[in-house]
Amino acid sequence: MWLSFYEAADLKMGSKKKKAASVFIRLVSAAGTGFFYVKKKNPRKIQEKLEFRKFDPRVNRHVLFTEAKMNAPFTVRLVSEFK
């Protein structure tokens, strides 16, 4: 079995996968409609909870959206994966 240069270097260095710097968070509407946005956040740079004033289509106006944890792991899928 032949290894490429990069695979051999990984074995030699004993490197492991790094932990992702950014995580997905949920921005939940303060209007109580259940509408939410998903956003990426780097917790190493920003420790406080995010708050944005964004549009909530269920009440047809701009309201405050506050950060909440994601219920399940969120993965981004490419459009090509759905074909």
PDB file of N, CA and C in Angstrom:
ATOM      1  N   MET A   1       0.852  -1.181   0.000  1.00  0.00           N
ATOM      2  CA  MET A   1       0.000   0.000   0.000  1.00  0.00           C
ATOM      3  C   MET A   1       0.893   1.238   0.000  1.00  0.00           C
ATOM      4  N   TRP A   2       0.712   2.081  -0.973  1.00  0.00           N
ATOM      5  CA  TRP A   2       1.486   3.308  -1.095  1.00  0.00           C
ATOM      6  C   TRP A   2       0.703   4.470  -0.532  1.00  0.00           C
ATOM      7  N   LEU A   3       1.363   5.322   0.196  1.00  0.00           N
ATOM      8  CA  LEU A   3       0.737   6.507   0.762  1.00  0.00           C
ATOM      9  C   LEU A   3       1.228   7.740   0.036  1.00  0.00           C
ATOM     10  N   SER A   4       0.349   8.700  -0.094  1.00  0.00           N
ATOM     11  CA  SER A   4       0.777   9.966  -0.678  1.00  0.00           C
ATOM     12  C   SER A   4       1.648  10.701   0.337  1.00  0.00           C
ATOM     13  N   PHE A   5       2.294  11.735  -0.119  1.00  0.00           N
ATOM     14  CA  PHE A   5       3.165  12.525   0.746  1.00  0.00           C
ATOM     15  C   PHE A   5       2.396  13.071   1.949  1.00  0.00           C
ATOM     16  N   TYR A   6       1.179  13.570   1.717  1.00  0.00           N
ATOM     17  CA  TYR A   6       0.389  14.182   2.790  1.00  0.00           C
ATOM     18  C   TYR A   6      -0.114  13.138   3.780  1.00  0.00           C
ATOM     19  N   GLU A   7      -0.501  11.971   3.280  1.00  0.00           N
ATOM     20  CA  GLU A   7      -0.951  10.908   4.176  1.00  0.00           C
ATOM     21  C   GLU A   7       0.195  10.422   5.055  1.00  0.00           C
ATOM     22  N   ALA A   8       1.387  10.297   4.466  1.00  0.00           N
ATOM     23  CA  ALA A   8       2.554   9.874   5.233  1.00  0.00           C
ATOM     24  C   ALA A   8       2.924  10.912   6.286  1.00  0.00           C
ATOM     25  N   ALA A   9       2.824  12.176   5.926  1.00  0.00           N
ATOM     26  CA  ALA A   9       3.132  13.245   6.875  1.00  0.00           C
ATOM     27  C   ALA A   9       2.135  13.235   8.027  1.00  0.00           C
ATOM     28  N   ASP A  10       0.865  12.957   7.730  1.00  0.00           N
ATOM     29  CA  ASP A  10      -0.151  12.894   8.784  1.00  0.00           C
ATOM     30  C   ASP A  10       0.136  11.747   9.745  1.00  0.00           C
ATOM     31  N   LEU A  11       0.541  10.603   9.218  1.00  0.00           N
ATOM     32  CA  LEU A  11       0.850   9.465  10.079  1.00  0.00           C
ATOM     33  C   LEU A  11       2.079   9.735  10.932  1.00  0.00           C
ATOM     34  N   LYS A  12       3.069  10.380  10.332  1.00  0.00           N
ATOM     35  CA  LYS A  12       4.315  10.650  11.041  1.00  0.00           C
ATOM     36  C   LYS A  12       4.092  11.655  12.167  1.00  0.00           C
ATOM     37  N   MET A  13       3.309  12.679  11.909  1.00  0.00           N
ATOM     38  CA  MET A  13       3.090  13.738  12.888  1.00  0.00           C
ATOM     39  C   MET A  13       2.054  13.338  13.928  1.00  0.00           C
ATOM     40  N   GLY A  14       1.259  12.312  13.639  1.00  0.00           N
ATOM     41  CA  GLY A  14       0.216  11.919  14.577  1.00  0.00           C
ATOM     42  C   GLY A  14      -0.867  12.972  14.687  1.00  0.00           C
ATOM     43  N   SER A  15      -1.113  13.667  13.580  1.00  0.00           N
ATOM     44  CA  SER A  15      -2.073  14.769  13.617  1.00  0.00           C
ATOM     45  C   SER A  15      -3.496  14.242  13.715  1.00  0.00           C
ATOM     46  N   LYS A  16      -4.311  14.996  14.375  1.00  0.00           N
ATOM     47  CA  LYS A  16      -5.720  14.679  14.515  1.00  0.00           C
ATOM     48  C   LYS A  16      -6.516  15.820  13.912  1.00  0.00           C
ATOM     49  N   LYS A  17      -7.792  15.573  13.708  1.00  0.00           N
ATOM     50  CA  LYS A  17      -8.644  16.630  13.190  1.00  0.00           C
ATOM     51  C   LYS A  17      -8.771  17.736  14.223  1.00  0.00           C
ATOM     52  N   LYS A  18      -8.722  18.961  13.741  1.00  0.00           N
ATOM     53  CA  LYS A  18      -8.887  20.087  14.648  1.00  0.00           C
ATOM     54  C   LYS A  18     -10.367  20.331  14.901  1.00  0.00           C
ATOM     55  N   LYS A  19     -10.653  20.865  16.057  1.00  0.00           N
ATOM     56  CA  LYS A  19     -12.021  21.220  16.392  1.00  0.00           C
ATOM     57  C   LYS A  19     -12.410  22.457  15.589  1.00  0.00           C
ATOM     58  N   ALA A  20     -13.601  22.460  15.054  1.00  0.00           N
ATOM     59  CA  ALA A  20     -14.054  23.587  14.245  1.00  0.00           C
ATOM     60  C   ALA A  20     -14.098  24.853  15.089  1.00  0.00           C
ATOM     61  N   ALA A  21     -13.627  25.942  14.517  1.00  0.00           N
ATOM     62  CA  ALA A  21     -13.586  27.204  15.249  1.00  0.00           C
ATOM     63  C   ALA A  21     -14.973  27.815  15.368  1.00  0.00           C
ATOM     64  N   SER A  22     -15.817  27.606  14.369  1.00  0.00           N
ATOM     65  CA  SER A  22     -17.135  28.224  14.405  1.00  0.00           C
ATOM     66  C   SER A  22     -18.217  27.167  14.594  1.00  0.00           C
ATOM     67  N   VAL A  23     -19.298  27.584  15.225  1.00  0.00           N
ATOM     68  CA  VAL A  23     -20.442  26.709  15.471  1.00  0.00           C
ATOM     69  C   VAL A  23     -21.690  27.383  14.917  1.00  0.00           C
ATOM     70  N   PHE A  24     -22.698  26.578  14.625  1.00  0.00           N
ATOM     71  CA  PHE A  24     -23.961  27.122  14.167  1.00  0.00           C
ATOM     72  C   PHE A  24     -24.832  27.433  15.378  1.00  0.00           C
ATOM     73  N   ILE A  25     -25.475  28.588  15.332  1.00  0.00           N
ATOM     74  CA  ILE A  25     -26.403  28.974  16.398  1.00  0.00           C
ATOM     75  C   ILE A  25     -27.749  29.296  15.775  1.00  0.00           C
ATOM     76  N   ARG A  26     -28.754  29.292  16.604  1.00  0.00           N
ATOM     77  CA  ARG A  26     -30.107  29.615  16.161  1.00  0.00           C
ATOM     78  C   ARG A  26     -30.470  30.982  16.713  1.00  0.00           C
ATOM     79  N   LEU A  27     -30.978  31.864  15.857  1.00  0.00           N
ATOM     80  CA  LEU A  27     -31.476  33.168  16.285  1.00  0.00           C
ATOM     81  C   LEU A  27     -32.997  33.078  16.317  1.00  0.00           C
ATOM     82  N   VAL A  28     -33.581  33.118  17.506  1.00  0.00           N
ATOM     83  CA  VAL A  28     -35.015  32.908  17.696  1.00  0.00           C
ATOM     84  C   VAL A  28     -35.715  34.249  17.844  1.00  0.00           C
ATOM     85  N   SER A  29     -36.876  34.367  17.217  1.00  0.00           N
ATOM     86  CA  SER A  29     -37.649  35.605  17.245  1.00  0.00           C
ATOM     87  C   SER A  29     -38.187  35.886  18.643  1.00  0.00           C
ATOM     88  N   ALA A  30     -38.081  37.142  19.067  1.00  0.00           N
ATOM     89  CA  ALA A  30     -38.617  37.553  20.367  1.00  0.00           C
ATOM     90  C   ALA A  30     -40.129  37.738  20.305  1.00  0.00           C
ATOM     91  N   ALA A  31     -40.706  37.715  19.096  1.00  0.00           N
ATOM     92  CA  ALA A  31     -42.153  37.862  18.954  1.00  0.00           C
ATOM     93  C   ALA A  31     -42.891  36.587  19.349  1.00  0.00           C
ATOM     94  N   GLY A  32     -42.151  35.493  19.543  1.00  0.00           N
ATOM     95  CA  GLY A  32     -42.779  34.251  19.979  1.00  0.00           C
ATOM     96  C   GLY A  32     -43.441  33.473  18.858  1.00  0.00           C
ATOM     97  N   THR A  33     -43.064  33.737  17.615  1.00  0.00           N
ATOM     98  CA  THR A  33     -43.680  33.044  16.485  1.00  0.00           C
ATOM     99  C   THR A  33     -43.028  31.706  16.195  1.00  0.00           C
ATOM    100  N   GLY A  34     -41.833  31.472  16.749  1.00  0.00           N
ATOM    101  CA  GLY A  34     -41.116  30.240  16.471  1.00  0.00           C
ATOM    102  C   GLY A  34     -40.219  30.338  15.252  1.00  0.00           C
ATOM    103  N   PHE A  35     -40.248  31.476  14.568  1.00  0.00           N
ATOM    104  CA  PHE A  35     -39.397  31.669  13.393  1.00  0.00           C
ATOM    105  C   PHE A  35     -37.961  31.875  13.851  1.00  0.00           C
ATOM    106  N   PHE A  36     -37.000  31.324  13.100  1.00  0.00           N
ATOM    107  CA  PHE A  36     -35.595  31.466  13.485  1.00  0.00           C
ATOM    108  C   PHE A  36     -34.709  31.554  12.255  1.00  0.00           C
ATOM    109  N   TYR A  37     -33.541  32.118  12.451  1.00  0.00           N
ATOM    110  CA  TYR A  37     -32.472  32.148  11.461  1.00  0.00           C
ATOM    111  C   TYR A  37     -31.328  31.300  12.000  1.00  0.00           C
ATOM    112  N   VAL A  38     -30.494  30.770  11.105  1.00  0.00           N
ATOM    113  CA  VAL A  38     -29.300  30.030  11.506  1.00  0.00           C
ATOM    114  C   VAL A  38     -28.089  30.839  11.083  1.00  0.00           C
ATOM    115  N   LYS A  39     -27.129  30.978  12.002  1.00  0.00           N
ATOM    116  CA  LYS A  39     -25.949  31.795  11.748  1.00  0.00           C
ATOM    117  C   LYS A  39     -24.727  31.093  12.317  1.00  0.00           C
ATOM    118  N   LYS A  40     -23.561  31.361  11.718  1.00  0.00           N
ATOM    119  CA  LYS A  40     -22.303  30.829  12.239  1.00  0.00           C
ATOM    120  C   LYS A  40     -21.707  31.823  13.214  1.00  0.00           C
ATOM    121  N   LYS A  41     -21.089  31.294  14.265  1.00  0.00           N
ATOM    122  CA  LYS A  41     -20.466  32.143  15.279  1.00  0.00           C
ATOM    123  C   LYS A  41     -19.157  31.498  15.706  1.00  0.00           C
ATOM    124  N   ASN A  42     -18.132  32.315  15.903  1.00  0.00           N
ATOM    125  CA  ASN A  42     -16.861  31.834  16.423  1.00  0.00           C
ATOM    126  C   ASN A  42     -16.833  32.150  17.916  1.00  0.00           C
ATOM    127  N   PRO A  43     -17.057  31.149  18.781  1.00  0.00           N
ATOM    128  CA  PRO A  43     -17.119  31.414  20.220  1.00  0.00           C
ATOM    129  C   PRO A  43     -15.781  31.826  20.823  1.00  0.00           C
ATOM    130  N   ARG A  44     -14.686  31.589  20.110  1.00  0.00           N
ATOM    131  CA  ARG A  44     -13.387  32.022  20.623  1.00  0.00           C
ATOM    132  C   ARG A  44     -13.232  33.534  20.538  1.00  0.00           C
ATOM    133  N   LYS A  45     -13.892  34.147  19.569  1.00  0.00           N
ATOM    134  CA  LYS A  45     -13.792  35.597  19.390  1.00  0.00           C
ATOM    135  C   LYS A  45     -14.930  36.348  20.076  1.00  0.00           C
ATOM    136  N   ILE A  46     -16.140  35.775  20.050  1.00  0.00           N
ATOM    137  CA  ILE A  46     -17.324  36.443  20.603  1.00  0.00           C
ATOM    138  C   ILE A  46     -17.913  35.555  21.688  1.00  0.00           C
ATOM    139  N   GLN A  47     -17.780  35.971  22.956  1.00  0.00           N
ATOM    140  CA  GLN A  47     -18.294  35.153  24.050  1.00  0.00           C
ATOM    141  C   GLN A  47     -19.741  35.499  24.412  1.00  0.00           C
ATOM    142  N   GLU A  48     -20.155  36.752  24.203  1.00  0.00           N
ATOM    143  CA  GLU A  48     -21.499  37.145  24.611  1.00  0.00           C
ATOM    144  C   GLU A  48     -22.537  36.638  23.606  1.00  0.00           C
ATOM    145  N   LYS A  49     -23.791  36.607  24.047  1.00  0.00           N
ATOM    146  CA  LYS A  49     -24.876  36.143  23.189  1.00  0.00           C
ATOM    147  C   LYS A  49     -25.177  37.191  22.127  1.00  0.00           C
ATOM    148  N   LEU A  50     -25.453  36.720  20.914  1.00  0.00           N
ATOM    149  CA  LEU A  50     -25.741  37.622  19.806  1.00  0.00           C
ATOM    150  C   LEU A  50     -27.202  38.040  19.829  1.00  0.00           C
ATOM    151  N   GLU A  51     -27.442  39.269  19.426  1.00  0.00           N
ATOM    152  CA  GLU A  51     -28.800  39.788  19.256  1.00  0.00           C
ATOM    153  C   GLU A  51     -28.818  40.606  17.979  1.00  0.00           C
ATOM    154  N   PHE A  52     -29.802  40.344  17.133  1.00  0.00           N
ATOM    155  CA  PHE A  52     -29.957  41.074  15.885  1.00  0.00           C
ATOM    156  C   PHE A  52     -31.396  41.529  15.750  1.00  0.00           C
ATOM    157  N   ARG A  53     -31.586  42.620  15.044  1.00  0.00           N
ATOM    158  CA  ARG A  53     -32.925  43.069  14.698  1.00  0.00           C
ATOM    159  C   ARG A  53     -33.134  42.692  13.239  1.00  0.00           C
ATOM    160  N   LYS A  54     -33.964  41.675  13.017  1.00  0.00           N
ATOM    161  CA  LYS A  54     -34.171  41.139  11.676  1.00  0.00           C
ATOM    162  C   LYS A  54     -35.662  41.022  11.393  1.00  0.00           C
ATOM    163  N   PHE A  55     -35.976  40.706  10.140  1.00  0.00           N
ATOM    164  CA  PHE A  55     -37.363  40.627   9.705  1.00  0.00           C
ATOM    165  C   PHE A  55     -37.969  39.273  10.057  1.00  0.00           C
ATOM    166  N   ASP A  56     -39.146  39.309  10.681  1.00  0.00           N
ATOM    167  CA  ASP A  56     -39.908  38.096  10.977  1.00  0.00           C
ATOM    168  C   ASP A  56     -41.118  38.078  10.044  1.00  0.00           C
ATOM    169  N   PRO A  57     -41.146  37.187   9.057  1.00  0.00           N
ATOM    170  CA  PRO A  57     -42.246  37.186   8.087  1.00  0.00           C
ATOM    171  C   PRO A  57     -43.591  36.768   8.675  1.00  0.00           C
ATOM    172  N   ARG A  58     -43.592  36.122   9.817  1.00  0.00           N
ATOM    173  CA  ARG A  58     -44.862  35.682  10.405  1.00  0.00           C
ATOM    174  C   ARG A  58     -45.638  36.835  11.032  1.00  0.00           C
ATOM    175  N   VAL A  59     -44.935  37.873  11.492  1.00  0.00           N
ATOM    176  CA  VAL A  59     -45.620  39.058  12.018  1.00  0.00           C
ATOM    177  C   VAL A  59     -45.445  40.243  11.081  1.00  0.00           C
ATOM    178  N   ASN A  60     -44.699  40.033   9.988  1.00  0.00           N
ATOM    179  CA  ASN A  60     -44.497  41.028   8.941  1.00  0.00           C
ATOM    180  C   ASN A  60     -43.858  42.316   9.453  1.00  0.00           C
ATOM    181  N   ARG A  61     -42.879  42.184  10.344  1.00  0.00           N
ATOM    182  CA  ARG A  61     -42.135  43.347  10.828  1.00  0.00           C
ATOM    183  C   ARG A  61     -40.778  42.926  11.372  1.00  0.00           C
ATOM    184  N   HIS A  62     -39.931  43.915  11.620  1.00  0.00           N
ATOM    185  CA  HIS A  62     -38.616  43.659  12.194  1.00  0.00           C
ATOM    186  C   HIS A  62     -38.748  43.509  13.708  1.00  0.00           C
ATOM    187  N   VAL A  63     -38.150  42.451  14.234  1.00  0.00           N
ATOM    188  CA  VAL A  63     -38.173  42.193  15.675  1.00  0.00           C
ATOM    189  C   VAL A  63     -36.772  41.777  16.114  1.00  0.00           C
ATOM    190  N   LEU A  64     -36.586  41.686  17.419  1.00  0.00           N
ATOM    191  CA  LEU A  64     -35.307  41.279  17.983  1.00  0.00           C
ATOM    192  C   LEU A  64     -35.178  39.756  17.921  1.00  0.00           C
ATOM    193  N   PHE A  65     -34.030  39.284  17.465  1.00  0.00           N
ATOM    194  CA  PHE A  65     -33.721  37.861  17.432  1.00  0.00           C
ATOM    195  C   PHE A  65     -32.563  37.623  18.379  1.00  0.00           C
ATOM    196  N   THR A  66     -32.705  36.661  19.290  1.00  0.00           N
ATOM    197  CA  THR A  66     -31.663  36.376  20.273  1.00  0.00           C
ATOM    198  C   THR A  66     -31.097  34.981  20.041  1.00  0.00           C
ATOM    199  N   GLU A  67     -29.876  34.791  20.484  1.00  0.00           N
ATOM    200  CA  GLU A  67     -29.165  33.532  20.270  1.00  0.00           C
ATOM    201  C   GLU A  67     -29.718  32.422  21.149  1.00  0.00           C
ATOM    202  N   ALA A  68     -29.857  31.240  20.564  1.00  0.00           N
ATOM    203  CA  ALA A  68     -30.230  30.030  21.291  1.00  0.00           C
ATOM    204  C   ALA A  68     -29.417  28.886  20.709  1.00  0.00           C
ATOM    205  N   LYS A  69     -29.241  27.824  21.480  1.00  0.00           N
ATOM    206  CA  LYS A  69     -28.477  26.681  20.991  1.00  0.00           C
ATOM    207  C   LYS A  69     -29.287  25.913  19.958  1.00  0.00           C
ATOM    208  N   MET A  70     -28.570  25.240  19.072  1.00  0.00           N
ATOM    209  CA  MET A  70     -29.222  24.374  18.092  1.00  0.00           C
ATOM    210  C   MET A  70     -29.687  23.111  18.818  1.00  0.00           C
ATOM    211  N   ASN A  71     -30.872  22.616  18.461  1.00  0.00           N
ATOM    212  CA  ASN A  71     -31.399  21.409  19.092  1.00  0.00           C
ATOM    213  C   ASN A  71     -30.652  20.162  18.646  1.00  0.00           C
ATOM    214  N   ALA A  72     -30.337  20.076  17.368  1.00  0.00           N
ATOM    215  CA  ALA A  72     -29.653  18.911  16.816  1.00  0.00           C
ATOM    216  C   ALA A  72     -28.448  19.391  16.024  1.00  0.00           C
ATOM    217  N   PRO A  73     -27.505  18.518  15.773  1.00  0.00           N
ATOM    218  CA  PRO A  73     -26.360  18.924  14.954  1.00  0.00           C
ATOM    219  C   PRO A  73     -26.823  19.412  13.594  1.00  0.00           C
ATOM    220  N   PHE A  74     -26.283  20.518  13.173  1.00  0.00           N
ATOM    221  CA  PHE A  74     -26.686  21.145  11.920  1.00  0.00           C
ATOM    222  C   PHE A  74     -25.553  20.997  10.926  1.00  0.00           C
ATOM    223  N   THR A  75     -25.851  20.442   9.771  1.00  0.00           N
ATOM    224  CA  THR A  75     -24.831  20.305   8.741  1.00  0.00           C
ATOM    225  C   THR A  75     -25.278  21.061   7.503  1.00  0.00           C
ATOM    226  N   VAL A  76     -24.329  21.650   6.843  1.00  0.00           N
ATOM    227  CA  VAL A  76     -24.615  22.372   5.613  1.00  0.00           C
ATOM    228  C   VAL A  76     -24.444  21.399   4.463  1.00  0.00           C
ATOM    229  N   ARG A  77     -25.448  21.301   3.618  1.00  0.00           N
ATOM    230  CA  ARG A  77     -25.376  20.411   2.473  1.00  0.00           C
ATOM    231  C   ARG A  77     -25.278  21.242   1.206  1.00  0.00           C
ATOM    232  N   LEU A  78     -24.482  20.768   0.300  1.00  0.00           N
ATOM    233  CA  LEU A  78     -24.351  21.434  -0.981  1.00  0.00           C
ATOM    234  C   LEU A  78     -25.548  21.097  -1.853  1.00  0.00           C
ATOM    235  N   VAL A  79     -25.865  21.980  -2.780  1.00  0.00           N
ATOM    236  CA  VAL A  79     -26.994  21.752  -3.674  1.00  0.00           C
ATOM    237  C   VAL A  79     -26.756  20.498  -4.509  1.00  0.00           C
ATOM    238  N   SER A  80     -25.511  20.220  -4.847  1.00  0.00           N
ATOM    239  CA  SER A  80     -25.201  19.051  -5.675  1.00  0.00           C
ATOM    240  C   SER A  80     -25.508  17.734  -4.956  1.00  0.00           C
ATOM    241  N   GLU A  81     -25.568  17.736  -3.631  1.00  0.00           N
ATOM    242  CA  GLU A  81     -25.865  16.516  -2.880  1.00  0.00           C
ATOM    243  C   GLU A  81     -27.322  16.096  -3.013  1.00  0.00           C
ATOM    244  N   PHE A  82     -28.209  17.018  -3.367  1.00  0.00           N
ATOM    245  CA  PHE A  82     -29.628  16.712  -3.448  1.00  0.00           C
ATOM    246  C   PHE A  82     -30.025  16.149  -4.811  1.00  0.00           C
ATOM    247  N   LYS A  83     -29.118  16.170  -5.774  1.00  0.00           N
ATOM    248  CA  LYS A  83     -29.457  15.699  -7.123  1.00  0.00           C
ATOM    249  C   LYS A  83     -29.353  14.206  -7.225  1.00  0.00           C
TER     250      LYS A  83
END
